[in-house]
Every structure is written in C-alpha cells, then in structure tokens.
Amino acid sequence: MSLPEVVLKKGRDVPVKGGHPWIFSGGVERVEGAPAIGSTVTVCSCMASKSADCVLGVARLISSARIMLLKIGPGWKLNDEL
C-alpha cells in the first residue's frame, strides 16, 4: 500500500532541503490520497519523481503547519533509513 502524497508548490522545497521541520498550508500544491490526521505521508516537490527528493512527514491537516517532517536534511531521500 502506498502512502498519501503531499506535493509542494514550486520553490517551496527550499526550506525543507535547508532543514526546516514544518510544511505550512501555503506551500502545499495538492494532496493525493486521503491522509488522516496523524498519519504518515510522503512529501515531494512538484518536480520530483515518485522516489526522488521525497521525505516522510506526519499529516496535521487541521493546522496551518500542515505537515511535520519525520526526517529532514539536505540530500535525504525517501529510501534512506529513518
């Protein structure tokens, strides 16, 4: 089963790549799937393929800080260890 995916607007991945742990509502282009509050989601830039430049986060869709990232940092990919 694949995780719901949050796709960021163009240019909104810069803070994530710099280590910022939150994705705010203004940075979300679209949500694919129906994540429940507190569920794990994949966060990708609008230019990413399914496995490149993606990170894992926890959905907080009722807050202005929509996603709390589980693992952050420059160059981290979805298939890296948590």
C-alpha atoms as a PDB file:
ATOM      1  CA  MET A   1       0.000   0.000   0.000  1.00  0.00           C
ATOM      2  CA  SER A   2       1.394   3.410  -0.910  1.00  0.00           C
ATOM      3  CA  LEU A   3       1.305   6.398   1.417  1.00  0.00           C
ATOM      4  CA  PRO A   4      -0.760   9.502   0.663  1.00  0.00           C
ATOM      5  CA  GLU A   5       1.392  12.120  -1.061  1.00  0.00           C
ATOM      6  CA  VAL A   6       1.668  15.835  -0.382  1.00  0.00           C
ATOM      7  CA  VAL A   7       3.078  17.738  -3.359  1.00  0.00           C
ATOM      8  CA  LEU A   8       4.718  21.084  -2.645  1.00  0.00           C
ATOM      9  CA  LYS A   9       4.352  24.195  -4.754  1.00  0.00           C
ATOM     10  CA  LYS A  10       7.272  25.163  -6.949  1.00  0.00           C
ATOM     11  CA  GLY A  11      10.116  26.578  -4.833  1.00  0.00           C
ATOM     12  CA  ARG A  12       8.557  25.551  -1.513  1.00  0.00           C
ATOM     13  CA  ASP A  13      11.017  22.679  -1.062  1.00  0.00           C
ATOM     14  CA  VAL A  14      13.919  25.079  -0.314  1.00  0.00           C
ATOM     15  CA  PRO A  15      13.184  25.364   3.440  1.00  0.00           C
ATOM     16  CA  VAL A  16      12.786  21.577   3.664  1.00  0.00           C
ATOM     17  CA  LYS A  17      16.134  20.999   1.988  1.00  0.00           C
ATOM     18  CA  GLY A  18      17.612  23.502   4.450  1.00  0.00           C
ATOM     19  CA  GLY A  19      16.327  21.518   7.421  1.00  0.00           C
ATOM     20  CA  HIS A  20      13.051  23.272   8.346  1.00  0.00           C
ATOM     21  CA  PRO A  21      10.738  20.714  10.034  1.00  0.00           C
ATOM     22  CA  TRP A  22       7.329  22.132   9.008  1.00  0.00           C
ATOM     23  CA  ILE A  23       5.315  22.403   5.793  1.00  0.00           C
ATOM     24  CA  PHE A  24       2.761  25.216   6.006  1.00  0.00           C
ATOM     25  CA  SER A  25      -0.567  25.374   4.165  1.00  0.00           C
ATOM     26  CA  GLY A  26       0.708  27.968   1.670  1.00  0.00           C
ATOM     27  CA  GLY A  27       3.386  25.564   0.467  1.00  0.00           C
ATOM     28  CA  VAL A  28       1.038  22.708  -0.459  1.00  0.00           C
ATOM     29  CA  GLU A  29       0.148  22.365  -4.152  1.00  0.00           C
ATOM     30  CA  ARG A  30      -2.084  19.311  -3.702  1.00  0.00           C
ATOM     31  CA  VAL A  31      -2.700  16.227  -1.580  1.00  0.00           C
ATOM     32  CA  GLU A  32      -3.050  12.877  -3.331  1.00  0.00           C
ATOM     33  CA  GLY A  33      -4.996  10.345  -1.313  1.00  0.00           C
ATOM     34  CA  ALA A  34      -6.904  10.994   1.892  1.00  0.00           C
ATOM     35  CA  PRO A  35      -4.494  11.129   4.829  1.00  0.00           C
ATOM     36  CA  ALA A  36      -5.982  11.004   8.307  1.00  0.00           C
ATOM     37  CA  ILE A  37      -4.727  13.432  10.936  1.00  0.00           C
ATOM     38  CA  GLY A  38      -1.577  11.920  12.418  1.00  0.00           C
ATOM     39  CA  SER A  39      -0.962   9.537   9.516  1.00  0.00           C
ATOM     40  CA  THR A  40       2.345   9.219   7.678  1.00  0.00           C
ATOM     41  CA  VAL A  41       2.567  10.899   4.278  1.00  0.00           C
ATOM     42  CA  THR A  42       5.183  11.270   1.568  1.00  0.00           C
ATOM     43  CA  VAL A  43       6.170  14.881   0.860  1.00  0.00           C
ATOM     44  CA  CYS A  44       7.556  15.624  -2.606  1.00  0.00           C
ATOM     45  CA  SER A  45       8.488  18.719  -4.546  1.00  0.00           C
ATOM     46  CA  CYS A  46       6.372  19.468  -7.613  1.00  0.00           C
ATOM     47  CA  MET A  47       9.325  18.474  -9.799  1.00  0.00           C
ATOM     48  CA  ALA A  48      10.081  15.146  -8.051  1.00  0.00           C
ATOM     49  CA  SER A  49       9.513  11.688  -9.389  1.00  0.00           C
ATOM     50  CA  LYS A  50       7.900   9.193  -7.010  1.00  0.00           C
ATOM     51  CA  SER A  51      11.214   8.213  -5.369  1.00  0.00           C
ATOM     52  CA  ALA A  52      13.426  11.288  -5.779  1.00  0.00           C
ATOM     53  CA  ASP A  53      13.568  14.285  -3.438  1.00  0.00           C
ATOM     54  CA  CYS A  54      10.832  12.997  -1.156  1.00  0.00           C
ATOM     55  CA  VAL A  55      10.656  12.889   2.636  1.00  0.00           C
ATOM     56  CA  LEU A  56       8.268  11.411   5.191  1.00  0.00           C
ATOM     57  CA  GLY A  57       6.022  13.505   7.387  1.00  0.00           C
ATOM     58  CA  VAL A  58       3.049  13.376   9.713  1.00  0.00           C
ATOM     59  CA  ALA A  59      -0.218  14.917   8.495  1.00  0.00           C
ATOM     60  CA  ARG A  60      -1.594  17.773  10.639  1.00  0.00           C
ATOM     61  CA  LEU A  61      -4.157  18.939   8.133  1.00  0.00           C
ATOM     62  CA  ILE A  62      -6.272  20.985  10.590  1.00  0.00           C
ATOM     63  CA  SER A  63      -3.374  23.309  11.444  1.00  0.00           C
ATOM     64  CA  SER A  64      -1.629  25.994   9.374  1.00  0.00           C
ATOM     65  CA  ALA A  65       1.504  23.852   9.826  1.00  0.00           C
ATOM     66  CA  ARG A  66       0.121  21.043   7.668  1.00  0.00           C
ATOM     67  CA  ILE A  67       2.993  18.567   7.804  1.00  0.00           C
ATOM     68  CA  MET A  68       5.612  17.831  10.478  1.00  0.00           C
ATOM     69  CA  LEU A  69       8.592  16.170   8.832  1.00  0.00           C
ATOM     70  CA  LEU A  70       9.939  12.983  10.406  1.00  0.00           C
ATOM     71  CA  LYS A  71      13.407  13.169   8.904  1.00  0.00           C
ATOM     72  CA  ILE A  72      14.900  16.268   7.393  1.00  0.00           C
ATOM     73  CA  GLY A  73      18.178  17.419   5.974  1.00  0.00           C
ATOM     74  CA  PRO A  74      19.956  18.168   2.749  1.00  0.00           C
ATOM     75  CA  GLY A  75      20.035  15.279   0.313  1.00  0.00           C
ATOM     76  CA  TRP A  76      17.780  12.933   2.277  1.00  0.00           C
ATOM     77  CA  LYS A  77      15.725  10.675   0.028  1.00  0.00           C
ATOM     78  CA  LEU A  78      12.595   8.633   0.696  1.00  0.00           C
ATOM     79  CA  ASN A  79      14.503   5.348   0.639  1.00  0.00           C
ATOM     80  CA  ASP A  80      17.063   6.473   3.268  1.00  0.00           C
ATOM     81  CA  GLU A  81      16.830   4.951   6.744  1.00  0.00           C
ATOM     82  CA  LEU A  82      14.729   6.732   9.323  1.00  0.00           C
END
